[in-house]
PDB file of N, CA and C in Angstrom:
ATOM      1  N   GLY A   1     -14.770  -0.207  25.655  1.00  0.00           N
ATOM      2  CA  GLY A   1     -13.421   0.256  25.502  1.00  0.00           C
ATOM      3  C   GLY A   1     -12.411  -0.558  26.245  1.00  0.00           C
ATOM      4  N   SER A   2     -11.324  -0.892  25.616  1.00  0.00           N
ATOM      5  CA  SER A   2     -10.226  -1.583  26.284  1.00  0.00           C
ATOM      6  C   SER A   2      -9.157  -0.558  26.629  1.00  0.00           C
ATOM      7  N   SER A   3      -8.572  -0.677  27.796  1.00  0.00           N
ATOM      8  CA  SER A   3      -7.554   0.288  28.204  1.00  0.00           C
ATOM      9  C   SER A   3      -6.291  -0.447  28.611  1.00  0.00           C
ATOM     10  N   GLY A   4      -5.171   0.253  28.495  1.00  0.00           N
ATOM     11  CA  GLY A   4      -3.897  -0.301  28.918  1.00  0.00           C
ATOM     12  C   GLY A   4      -3.411  -1.440  28.053  1.00  0.00           C
ATOM     13  N   SER A   5      -3.817  -1.459  26.787  1.00  0.00           N
ATOM     14  CA  SER A   5      -3.327  -2.506  25.910  1.00  0.00           C
ATOM     15  C   SER A   5      -1.909  -2.164  25.479  1.00  0.00           C
ATOM     16  N   SER A   6      -0.969  -3.009  25.804  1.00  0.00           N
ATOM     17  CA  SER A   6       0.404  -2.768  25.387  1.00  0.00           C
ATOM     18  C   SER A   6       0.840  -3.912  24.495  1.00  0.00           C
ATOM     19  N   GLY A   7       1.634  -3.587  23.511  1.00  0.00           N
ATOM     20  CA  GLY A   7       2.126  -4.637  22.629  1.00  0.00           C
ATOM     21  C   GLY A   7       1.234  -4.866  21.452  1.00  0.00           C
ATOM     22  N   GLY A   8      -0.029  -5.192  21.637  1.00  0.00           N
ATOM     23  CA  GLY A   8      -0.906  -5.703  20.585  1.00  0.00           C
ATOM     24  C   GLY A   8      -0.734  -5.063  19.216  1.00  0.00           C
ATOM     25  N   CYS A   9      -1.633  -5.352  18.350  1.00  0.00           N
ATOM     26  CA  CYS A   9      -1.564  -4.862  16.979  1.00  0.00           C
ATOM     27  C   CYS A   9      -2.450  -3.636  16.841  1.00  0.00           C
ATOM     28  N   GLN A  10      -1.888  -2.549  16.329  1.00  0.00           N
ATOM     29  CA  GLN A  10      -2.626  -1.295  16.204  1.00  0.00           C
ATOM     30  C   GLN A  10      -2.572  -0.785  14.761  1.00  0.00           C
ATOM     31  N   PRO A  11      -3.468  -1.271  13.919  1.00  0.00           N
ATOM     32  CA  PRO A  11      -3.452  -0.842  12.515  1.00  0.00           C
ATOM     33  C   PRO A  11      -3.623   0.668  12.347  1.00  0.00           C
ATOM     34  N   SER A  12      -4.261   1.315  13.313  1.00  0.00           N
ATOM     35  CA  SER A  12      -4.506   2.753  13.181  1.00  0.00           C
ATOM     36  C   SER A  12      -3.223   3.566  13.251  1.00  0.00           C
ATOM     37  N   ARG A  13      -2.130   2.937  13.672  1.00  0.00           N
ATOM     38  CA  ARG A  13      -0.861   3.662  13.764  1.00  0.00           C
ATOM     39  C   ARG A  13       0.040   3.418  12.559  1.00  0.00           C
ATOM     40  N   VAL A  14      -0.424   2.602  11.627  1.00  0.00           N
ATOM     41  CA  VAL A  14       0.355   2.361  10.415  1.00  0.00           C
ATOM     42  C   VAL A  14       0.136   3.510   9.439  1.00  0.00           C
ATOM     43  N   GLN A  15       1.218   3.947   8.806  1.00  0.00           N
ATOM     44  CA  GLN A  15       1.138   5.032   7.832  1.00  0.00           C
ATOM     45  C   GLN A  15       1.618   4.548   6.471  1.00  0.00           C
ATOM     46  N   ALA A  16       0.933   5.002   5.438  1.00  0.00           N
ATOM     47  CA  ALA A  16       1.367   4.701   4.069  1.00  0.00           C
ATOM     48  C   ALA A  16       1.496   6.008   3.309  1.00  0.00           C
ATOM     49  N   GLN A  17       2.566   6.112   2.531  1.00  0.00           N
ATOM     50  CA  GLN A  17       2.812   7.343   1.793  1.00  0.00           C
ATOM     51  C   GLN A  17       3.625   7.022   0.557  1.00  0.00           C
ATOM     52  N   GLY A  18       3.539   7.909  -0.424  1.00  0.00           N
ATOM     53  CA  GLY A  18       4.341   7.722  -1.621  1.00  0.00           C
ATOM     54  C   GLY A  18       3.553   8.032  -2.872  1.00  0.00           C
ATOM     55  N   PRO A  19       4.290   8.256  -3.969  1.00  0.00           N
ATOM     56  CA  PRO A  19       3.634   8.638  -5.226  1.00  0.00           C
ATOM     57  C   PRO A  19       2.691   7.565  -5.744  1.00  0.00           C
ATOM     58  N   GLY A  20       2.982   6.293  -5.464  1.00  0.00           N
ATOM     59  CA  GLY A  20       2.150   5.206  -5.967  1.00  0.00           C
ATOM     60  C   GLY A  20       0.774   5.135  -5.340  1.00  0.00           C
ATOM     61  N   LEU A  21       0.524   5.949  -4.307  1.00  0.00           N
ATOM     62  CA  LEU A  21      -0.802   5.994  -3.706  1.00  0.00           C
ATOM     63  C   LEU A  21      -1.607   7.185  -4.205  1.00  0.00           C
ATOM     64  N   LYS A  22      -0.978   8.052  -4.999  1.00  0.00           N
ATOM     65  CA  LYS A  22      -1.667   9.229  -5.522  1.00  0.00           C
ATOM     66  C   LYS A  22      -2.027   9.067  -6.984  1.00  0.00           C
ATOM     67  N   GLU A  23      -1.061   8.578  -7.763  1.00  0.00           N
ATOM     68  CA  GLU A  23      -1.317   8.257  -9.159  1.00  0.00           C
ATOM     69  C   GLU A  23      -0.338   7.184  -9.570  1.00  0.00           C
ATOM     70  N   ALA A  24      -0.661   6.493 -10.659  1.00  0.00           N
ATOM     71  CA  ALA A  24       0.206   5.409 -11.092  1.00  0.00           C
ATOM     72  C   ALA A  24       0.155   5.306 -12.606  1.00  0.00           C
ATOM     73  N   PHE A  25       1.111   4.561 -13.146  1.00  0.00           N
ATOM     74  CA  PHE A  25       1.218   4.402 -14.589  1.00  0.00           C
ATOM     75  C   PHE A  25       1.338   2.923 -14.946  1.00  0.00           C
ATOM     76  N   THR A  26       0.815   2.574 -16.110  1.00  0.00           N
ATOM     77  CA  THR A  26       0.830   1.176 -16.521  1.00  0.00           C
ATOM     78  C   THR A  26       2.229   0.720 -16.899  1.00  0.00           C
ATOM     79  N   ASN A  27       2.474  -0.560 -16.681  1.00  0.00           N
ATOM     80  CA  ASN A  27       3.700  -1.230 -17.135  1.00  0.00           C
ATOM     81  C   ASN A  27       4.971  -0.643 -16.553  1.00  0.00           C
ATOM     82  N   LYS A  28       4.869  -0.004 -15.390  1.00  0.00           N
ATOM     83  CA  LYS A  28       6.079   0.432 -14.701  1.00  0.00           C
ATOM     84  C   LYS A  28       5.828   0.377 -13.201  1.00  0.00           C
ATOM     85  N   PRO A  29       6.903   0.252 -12.413  1.00  0.00           N
ATOM     86  CA  PRO A  29       6.727   0.133 -10.970  1.00  0.00           C
ATOM     87  C   PRO A  29       6.239   1.446 -10.362  1.00  0.00           C
ATOM     88  N   ASN A  30       5.197   1.358  -9.542  1.00  0.00           N
ATOM     89  CA  ASN A  30       4.671   2.509  -8.821  1.00  0.00           C
ATOM     90  C   ASN A  30       4.911   2.257  -7.343  1.00  0.00           C
ATOM     91  N   VAL A  31       5.700   3.133  -6.736  1.00  0.00           N
ATOM     92  CA  VAL A  31       6.300   2.850  -5.441  1.00  0.00           C
ATOM     93  C   VAL A  31       5.590   3.610  -4.321  1.00  0.00           C
ATOM     94  N   PHE A  32       5.437   2.958  -3.178  1.00  0.00           N
ATOM     95  CA  PHE A  32       5.018   3.639  -1.964  1.00  0.00           C
ATOM     96  C   PHE A  32       5.642   2.944  -0.767  1.00  0.00           C
ATOM     97  N   THR A  33       5.578   3.613   0.379  1.00  0.00           N
ATOM     98  CA  THR A  33       6.191   3.106   1.598  1.00  0.00           C
ATOM     99  C   THR A  33       5.131   2.916   2.662  1.00  0.00           C
ATOM    100  N   VAL A  34       5.218   1.807   3.388  1.00  0.00           N
ATOM    101  CA  VAL A  34       4.323   1.553   4.509  1.00  0.00           C
ATOM    102  C   VAL A  34       5.167   1.521   5.782  1.00  0.00           C
ATOM    103  N   VAL A  35       4.830   2.381   6.723  1.00  0.00           N
ATOM    104  CA  VAL A  35       5.576   2.468   7.977  1.00  0.00           C
ATOM    105  C   VAL A  35       4.771   1.793   9.076  1.00  0.00           C
ATOM    106  N   THR A  36       5.310   0.698   9.607  1.00  0.00           N
ATOM    107  CA  THR A  36       4.607  -0.060  10.642  1.00  0.00           C
ATOM    108  C   THR A  36       5.249   0.124  12.021  1.00  0.00           C
ATOM    109  N   ARG A  37       6.292   0.922  12.073  1.00  0.00           N
ATOM    110  CA  ARG A  37       6.985   1.140  13.340  1.00  0.00           C
ATOM    111  C   ARG A  37       6.007   1.711  14.368  1.00  0.00           C
ATOM    112  N   GLY A  38       5.939   1.123  15.549  1.00  0.00           N
ATOM    113  CA  GLY A  38       5.069   1.629  16.597  1.00  0.00           C
ATOM    114  C   GLY A  38       3.648   1.101  16.532  1.00  0.00           C
ATOM    115  N   ALA A  39       3.387   0.191  15.597  1.00  0.00           N
ATOM    116  CA  ALA A  39       2.029  -0.328  15.444  1.00  0.00           C
ATOM    117  C   ALA A  39       1.883  -1.730  16.022  1.00  0.00           C
ATOM    118  N   GLY A  40       2.897  -2.190  16.756  1.00  0.00           N
ATOM    119  CA  GLY A  40       2.810  -3.524  17.330  1.00  0.00           C
ATOM    120  C   GLY A  40       3.165  -4.595  16.318  1.00  0.00           C
ATOM    121  N   ILE A  41       2.854  -5.840  16.686  1.00  0.00           N
ATOM    122  CA  ILE A  41       3.178  -6.969  15.825  1.00  0.00           C
ATOM    123  C   ILE A  41       1.937  -7.390  15.058  1.00  0.00           C
ATOM    124  N   GLY A  42       2.065  -7.423  13.747  1.00  0.00           N
ATOM    125  CA  GLY A  42       0.948  -7.847  12.917  1.00  0.00           C
ATOM    126  C   GLY A  42       1.446  -8.172  11.531  1.00  0.00           C
ATOM    127  N   GLY A  43       0.601  -8.812  10.772  1.00  0.00           N
ATOM    128  CA  GLY A  43       0.969  -9.148   9.400  1.00  0.00           C
ATOM    129  C   GLY A  43       0.510  -8.055   8.456  1.00  0.00           C
ATOM    130  N   LEU A  44       1.442  -7.589   7.602  1.00  0.00           N
ATOM    131  CA  LEU A  44       1.118  -6.564   6.628  1.00  0.00           C
ATOM    132  C   LEU A  44       0.588  -7.224   5.360  1.00  0.00           C
ATOM    133  N   GLY A  45      -0.548  -6.729   4.890  1.00  0.00           N
ATOM    134  CA  GLY A  45      -1.130  -7.264   3.668  1.00  0.00           C
ATOM    135  C   GLY A  45      -1.391  -6.152   2.671  1.00  0.00           C
ATOM    136  N   ILE A  46      -0.967  -6.348   1.422  1.00  0.00           N
ATOM    137  CA  ILE A  46      -1.179  -5.353   0.379  1.00  0.00           C
ATOM    138  C   ILE A  46      -1.787  -6.048  -0.831  1.00  0.00           C
ATOM    139  N   THR A  47      -2.948  -5.555  -1.257  1.00  0.00           N
ATOM    140  CA  THR A  47      -3.546  -6.062  -2.488  1.00  0.00           C
ATOM    141  C   THR A  47      -3.960  -4.873  -3.341  1.00  0.00           C
ATOM    142  N   VAL A  48      -3.904  -5.054  -4.651  1.00  0.00           N
ATOM    143  CA  VAL A  48      -4.309  -4.014  -5.585  1.00  0.00           C
ATOM    144  C   VAL A  48      -5.426  -4.579  -6.456  1.00  0.00           C
ATOM    145  N   GLU A  49      -6.576  -3.893  -6.441  1.00  0.00           N
ATOM    146  CA  GLU A  49      -7.720  -4.342  -7.221  1.00  0.00           C
ATOM    147  C   GLU A  49      -8.036  -3.306  -8.285  1.00  0.00           C
ATOM    148  N   GLY A  50      -8.330  -3.774  -9.493  1.00  0.00           N
ATOM    149  CA  GLY A  50      -8.645  -2.850 -10.564  1.00  0.00           C
ATOM    150  C   GLY A  50      -8.888  -3.588 -11.860  1.00  0.00           C
ATOM    151  N   PRO A  51      -8.799  -2.850 -12.980  1.00  0.00           N
ATOM    152  CA  PRO A  51      -9.077  -3.444 -14.296  1.00  0.00           C
ATOM    153  C   PRO A  51      -8.119  -4.568 -14.685  1.00  0.00           C
ATOM    154  N   SER A  52      -6.955  -4.620 -14.084  1.00  0.00           N
ATOM    155  CA  SER A  52      -6.025  -5.709 -14.397  1.00  0.00           C
ATOM    156  C   SER A  52      -5.403  -6.229 -13.112  1.00  0.00           C
ATOM    157  N   GLU A  53      -4.836  -7.415 -13.194  1.00  0.00           N
ATOM    158  CA  GLU A  53      -4.039  -7.930 -12.101  1.00  0.00           C
ATOM    159  C   GLU A  53      -2.778  -7.084 -11.987  1.00  0.00           C
ATOM    160  N   SER A  54      -2.342  -6.840 -10.766  1.00  0.00           N
ATOM    161  CA  SER A  54      -1.118  -6.069 -10.565  1.00  0.00           C
ATOM    162  C   SER A  54      -0.120  -6.920  -9.796  1.00  0.00           C
ATOM    163  N   LYS A  55       1.083  -6.937 -10.297  1.00  0.00           N
ATOM    164  CA  LYS A  55       2.160  -7.651  -9.622  1.00  0.00           C
ATOM    165  C   LYS A  55       2.705  -6.762  -8.516  1.00  0.00           C
ATOM    166  N   ILE A  56       2.771  -7.292  -7.300  1.00  0.00           N
ATOM    167  CA  ILE A  56       3.213  -6.495  -6.147  1.00  0.00           C
ATOM    168  C   ILE A  56       4.509  -7.071  -5.595  1.00  0.00           C
ATOM    169  N   ASN A  57       5.478  -6.189  -5.392  1.00  0.00           N
ATOM    170  CA  ASN A  57       6.711  -6.558  -4.710  1.00  0.00           C
ATOM    171  C   ASN A  57       6.815  -5.749  -3.430  1.00  0.00           C
ATOM    172  N   CYS A  58       7.211  -6.410  -2.350  1.00  0.00           N
ATOM    173  CA  CYS A  58       7.335  -5.723  -1.068  1.00  0.00           C
ATOM    174  C   CYS A  58       8.706  -6.040  -0.486  1.00  0.00           C
ATOM    175  N   ARG A  59       9.395  -5.000  -0.011  1.00  0.00           N
ATOM    176  CA  ARG A  59      10.724  -5.198   0.557  1.00  0.00           C
ATOM    177  C   ARG A  59      10.769  -4.608   1.947  1.00  0.00           C
ATOM    178  N   ASP A  60      11.203  -5.418   2.904  1.00  0.00           N
ATOM    179  CA  ASP A  60      11.328  -4.959   4.277  1.00  0.00           C
ATOM    180  C   ASP A  60      12.606  -4.148   4.419  1.00  0.00           C
ATOM    181  N   ASN A  61      12.468  -2.899   4.889  1.00  0.00           N
ATOM    182  CA  ASN A  61      13.643  -2.041   5.040  1.00  0.00           C
ATOM    183  C   ASN A  61      14.362  -2.239   6.365  1.00  0.00           C
ATOM    184  N   LYS A  62      13.855  -3.144   7.189  1.00  0.00           N
ATOM    185  CA  LYS A  62      14.473  -3.492   8.483  1.00  0.00           C
ATOM    186  C   LYS A  62      14.486  -2.327   9.466  1.00  0.00           C
ATOM    187  N   ASP A  63      13.720  -1.266   9.187  1.00  0.00           N
ATOM    188  CA  ASP A  63      13.704  -0.133  10.114  1.00  0.00           C
ATOM    189  C   ASP A  63      12.264   0.196  10.513  1.00  0.00           C
ATOM    190  N   GLY A  64      11.377  -0.778  10.371  1.00  0.00           N
ATOM    191  CA  GLY A  64       9.991  -0.534  10.707  1.00  0.00           C
ATOM    192  C   GLY A  64       9.177  -0.022   9.538  1.00  0.00           C
ATOM    193  N   SER A  65       9.750  -0.116   8.342  1.00  0.00           N
ATOM    194  CA  SER A  65       9.011   0.290   7.153  1.00  0.00           C
ATOM    195  C   SER A  65       9.242  -0.713   6.033  1.00  0.00           C
ATOM    196  N   CYS A  66       8.320  -0.713   5.073  1.00  0.00           N
ATOM    197  CA  CYS A  66       8.443  -1.562   3.902  1.00  0.00           C
ATOM    198  C   CYS A  66       8.288  -0.715   2.650  1.00  0.00           C
ATOM    199  N   SER A  67       9.084  -1.017   1.646  1.00  0.00           N
ATOM    200  CA  SER A  67       8.917  -0.398   0.341  1.00  0.00           C
ATOM    201  C   SER A  67       8.126  -1.359  -0.536  1.00  0.00           C
ATOM    202  N   ALA A  68       7.015  -0.859  -1.091  1.00  0.00           N
ATOM    203  CA  ALA A  68       6.182  -1.688  -1.945  1.00  0.00           C
ATOM    204  C   ALA A  68       6.108  -1.061  -3.329  1.00  0.00           C
ATOM    205  N   GLU A  69       5.994  -1.917  -4.329  1.00  0.00           N
ATOM    206  CA  GLU A  69       5.787  -1.422  -5.678  1.00  0.00           C
ATOM    207  C   GLU A  69       4.834  -2.360  -6.392  1.00  0.00           C
ATOM    208  N   TYR A  70       4.014  -1.776  -7.275  1.00  0.00           N
ATOM    209  CA  TYR A  70       3.095  -2.599  -8.044  1.00  0.00           C
ATOM    210  C   TYR A  70       3.098  -2.130  -9.493  1.00  0.00           C
ATOM    211  N   ILE A  71       2.814  -3.087 -10.390  1.00  0.00           N
ATOM    212  CA  ILE A  71       2.834  -2.806 -11.815  1.00  0.00           C
ATOM    213  C   ILE A  71       1.469  -3.163 -12.400  1.00  0.00           C
ATOM    214  N   PRO A  72       0.611  -2.154 -12.616  1.00  0.00           N
ATOM    215  CA  PRO A  72      -0.662  -2.420 -13.278  1.00  0.00           C
ATOM    216  C   PRO A  72      -0.466  -2.511 -14.788  1.00  0.00           C
ATOM    217  N   PHE A  73      -1.354  -3.262 -15.452  1.00  0.00           N
ATOM    218  CA  PHE A  73      -1.187  -3.471 -16.884  1.00  0.00           C
ATOM    219  C   PHE A  73      -2.280  -2.825 -17.713  1.00  0.00           C
ATOM    220  N   ALA A  74      -3.274  -2.234 -17.058  1.00  0.00           N
ATOM    221  CA  ALA A  74      -4.346  -1.560 -17.787  1.00  0.00           C
ATOM    222  C   ALA A  74      -4.703  -0.275 -17.053  1.00  0.00           C
ATOM    223  N   PRO A  75      -5.045   0.789 -17.799  1.00  0.00           N
ATOM    224  CA  PRO A  75      -5.423   2.038 -17.152  1.00  0.00           C
ATOM    225  C   PRO A  75      -6.797   1.932 -16.501  1.00  0.00           C
ATOM    226  N   GLY A  76      -7.085   2.856 -15.577  1.00  0.00           N
ATOM    227  CA  GLY A  76      -8.370   2.859 -14.888  1.00  0.00           C
ATOM    228  C   GLY A  76      -8.180   3.198 -13.427  1.00  0.00           C
ATOM    229  N   ASP A  77      -9.262   3.048 -12.649  1.00  0.00           N
ATOM    230  CA  ASP A  77      -9.181   3.313 -11.216  1.00  0.00           C
ATOM    231  C   ASP A  77      -8.865   2.022 -10.472  1.00  0.00           C
ATOM    232  N   TYR A  78      -7.875   2.099  -9.614  1.00  0.00           N
ATOM    233  CA  TYR A  78      -7.467   0.949  -8.813  1.00  0.00           C
ATOM    234  C   TYR A  78      -7.659   1.254  -7.330  1.00  0.00           C
ATOM    235  N   ASP A  79      -7.926   0.213  -6.561  1.00  0.00           N
ATOM    236  CA  ASP A  79      -7.970   0.334  -5.110  1.00  0.00           C
ATOM    237  C   ASP A  79      -6.771  -0.393  -4.529  1.00  0.00           C
ATOM    238  N   VAL A  80      -5.944   0.344  -3.779  1.00  0.00           N
ATOM    239  CA  VAL A  80      -4.821  -0.257  -3.075  1.00  0.00           C
ATOM    240  C   VAL A  80      -5.264  -0.516  -1.644  1.00  0.00           C
ATOM    241  N   ASN A  81      -5.408  -1.786  -1.307  1.00  0.00           N
ATOM    242  CA  ASN A  81      -5.828  -2.172   0.038  1.00  0.00           C
ATOM    243  C   ASN A  81      -4.597  -2.487   0.870  1.00  0.00           C
ATOM    244  N   ILE A  82      -4.449  -1.800   1.992  1.00  0.00           N
ATOM    245  CA  ILE A  82      -3.332  -2.059   2.895  1.00  0.00           C
ATOM    246  C   ILE A  82      -3.905  -2.426   4.248  1.00  0.00           C
ATOM    247  N   THR A  83      -3.628  -3.640   4.679  1.00  0.00           N
ATOM    248  CA  THR A  83      -4.135  -4.109   5.964  1.00  0.00           C
ATOM    249  C   THR A  83      -2.976  -4.479   6.878  1.00  0.00           C
ATOM    250  N   TYR A  84      -3.231  -4.392   8.164  1.00  0.00           N
ATOM    251  CA  TYR A  84      -2.236  -4.759   9.165  1.00  0.00           C
ATOM    252  C   TYR A  84      -2.954  -5.558  10.236  1.00  0.00           C
ATOM    253  N   GLY A  85      -2.528  -6.796  10.422  1.00  0.00           N
ATOM    254  CA  GLY A  85      -3.228  -7.659  11.362  1.00  0.00           C
ATOM    255  C   GLY A  85      -4.668  -7.918  10.933  1.00  0.00           C
ATOM    256  N   GLY A  86      -4.907  -7.834   9.623  1.00  0.00           N
ATOM    257  CA  GLY A  86      -6.225  -8.127   9.100  1.00  0.00           C
ATOM    258  C   GLY A  86      -7.183  -6.952   9.053  1.00  0.00           C
ATOM    259  N   ALA A  87      -6.750  -5.774   9.523  1.00  0.00           N
ATOM    260  CA  ALA A  87      -7.618  -4.597   9.529  1.00  0.00           C
ATOM    261  C   ALA A  87      -7.033  -3.510   8.633  1.00  0.00           C
ATOM    262  N   HIS A  88      -7.914  -2.774   7.961  1.00  0.00           N
ATOM    263  CA  HIS A  88      -7.451  -1.692   7.093  1.00  0.00           C
ATOM    264  C   HIS A  88      -6.764  -0.600   7.912  1.00  0.00           C
ATOM    265  N   ILE A  89      -5.683  -0.051   7.351  1.00  0.00           N
ATOM    266  CA  ILE A  89      -5.017   1.079   7.986  1.00  0.00           C
ATOM    267  C   ILE A  89      -5.750   2.354   7.580  1.00  0.00           C
ATOM    268  N   PRO A  90      -5.477   3.489   8.249  1.00  0.00           N
ATOM    269  CA  PRO A  90      -6.148   4.745   7.875  1.00  0.00           C
ATOM    270  C   PRO A  90      -5.916   5.096   6.409  1.00  0.00           C
ATOM    271  N   GLY A  91      -7.003   5.421   5.708  1.00  0.00           N
ATOM    272  CA  GLY A  91      -6.893   5.791   4.309  1.00  0.00           C
ATOM    273  C   GLY A  91      -7.102   4.636   3.345  1.00  0.00           C
ATOM    274  N   SER A  92      -7.027   3.421   3.860  1.00  0.00           N
ATOM    275  CA  SER A  92      -7.200   2.249   3.005  1.00  0.00           C
ATOM    276  C   SER A  92      -8.675   1.909   2.885  1.00  0.00           C
ATOM    277  N   PRO A  93      -9.136   1.525   1.686  1.00  0.00           N
ATOM    278  CA  PRO A  93      -8.367   1.423   0.449  1.00  0.00           C
ATOM    279  C   PRO A  93      -8.088   2.775  -0.201  1.00  0.00           C
ATOM    280  N   PHE A  94      -6.902   2.877  -0.790  1.00  0.00           N
ATOM    281  CA  PHE A  94      -6.503   4.090  -1.490  1.00  0.00           C
ATOM    282  C   PHE A  94      -6.981   3.997  -2.944  1.00  0.00           C
ATOM    283  N   ARG A  95      -7.761   4.987  -3.396  1.00  0.00           N
ATOM    284  CA  ARG A  95      -8.221   5.001  -4.779  1.00  0.00           C
ATOM    285  C   ARG A  95      -7.166   5.709  -5.636  1.00  0.00           C
ATOM    286  N   VAL A  96      -6.582   4.964  -6.572  1.00  0.00           N
ATOM    287  CA  VAL A  96      -5.485   5.494  -7.376  1.00  0.00           C
ATOM    288  C   VAL A  96      -5.860   5.454  -8.858  1.00  0.00           C
ATOM    289  N   PRO A  97      -5.825   6.620  -9.536  1.00  0.00           N
ATOM    290  CA  PRO A  97      -6.040   6.616 -10.973  1.00  0.00           C
ATOM    291  C   PRO A  97      -4.781   6.179 -11.711  1.00  0.00           C
ATOM    292  N   VAL A  98      -4.929   5.191 -12.588  1.00  0.00           N
ATOM    293  CA  VAL A  98      -3.796   4.662 -13.346  1.00  0.00           C
ATOM    294  C   VAL A  98      -3.936   5.093 -14.812  1.00  0.00           C
ATOM    295  N   LYS A  99      -2.856   5.652 -15.336  1.00  0.00           N
ATOM    296  CA  LYS A  99      -2.856   6.120 -16.718  1.00  0.00           C
ATOM    297  C   LYS A  99      -1.793   5.384 -17.529  1.00  0.00           C
ATOM    298  N   ASP A 100      -2.008   5.345 -18.843  1.00  0.00           N
ATOM    299  CA  ASP A 100      -0.962   4.866 -19.728  1.00  0.00           C
ATOM    300  C   ASP A 100       0.147   5.895 -19.805  1.00  0.00           C
ATOM    301  N   VAL A 101       1.390   5.429 -19.928  1.00  0.00           N
ATOM    302  CA  VAL A 101       2.509   6.336 -20.113  1.00  0.00           C
ATOM    303  C   VAL A 101       2.478   6.844 -21.547  1.00  0.00           C
ATOM    304  N   VAL A 102       2.509   8.159 -21.689  1.00  0.00           N
ATOM    305  CA  VAL A 102       2.503   8.759 -23.023  1.00  0.00           C
ATOM    306  C   VAL A 102       3.938   8.880 -23.530  1.00  0.00           C
ATOM    307  N   ASP A 103       4.192   8.238 -24.633  1.00  0.00           N
ATOM    308  CA  ASP A 103       5.530   8.314 -25.214  1.00  0.00           C
ATOM    309  C   ASP A 103       5.617   9.523 -26.118  1.00  0.00           C
ATOM    310  N   PRO A 104       6.485  10.494 -25.805  1.00  0.00           N
ATOM    311  CA  PRO A 104       6.523  11.750 -26.563  1.00  0.00           C
ATOM    312  C   PRO A 104       7.091  11.615 -27.969  1.00  0.00           C
ATOM    313  N   SER A 105       7.738  10.498 -28.241  1.00  0.00           N
ATOM    314  CA  SER A 105       8.387  10.381 -29.558  1.00  0.00           C
ATOM    315  C   SER A 105       7.358  10.172 -30.671  1.00  0.00           C
TER     316      SER A 105
END
């Protein structure tokens, strides 16, 4: 055990939340927020693995949080991997079921 570590990188204190971590839809942005405030200095990494490649956009909110969105192109189960300083944060990888959007018309 290490004690009295101040400053370093603490991935266990990073929180991720948002609808895009619970369910998602194809061909539209699925949004979630990653809060790194209080977790020290580290590099945030987000990857989405699943039946298709997903385009990921991440925006720094300048308040210790980032807004991320991804657009999957095929339905199925996806894993959203969120790492901080190279280590998975609590809950990562997030298993997200992706569905096609049903057009009611």
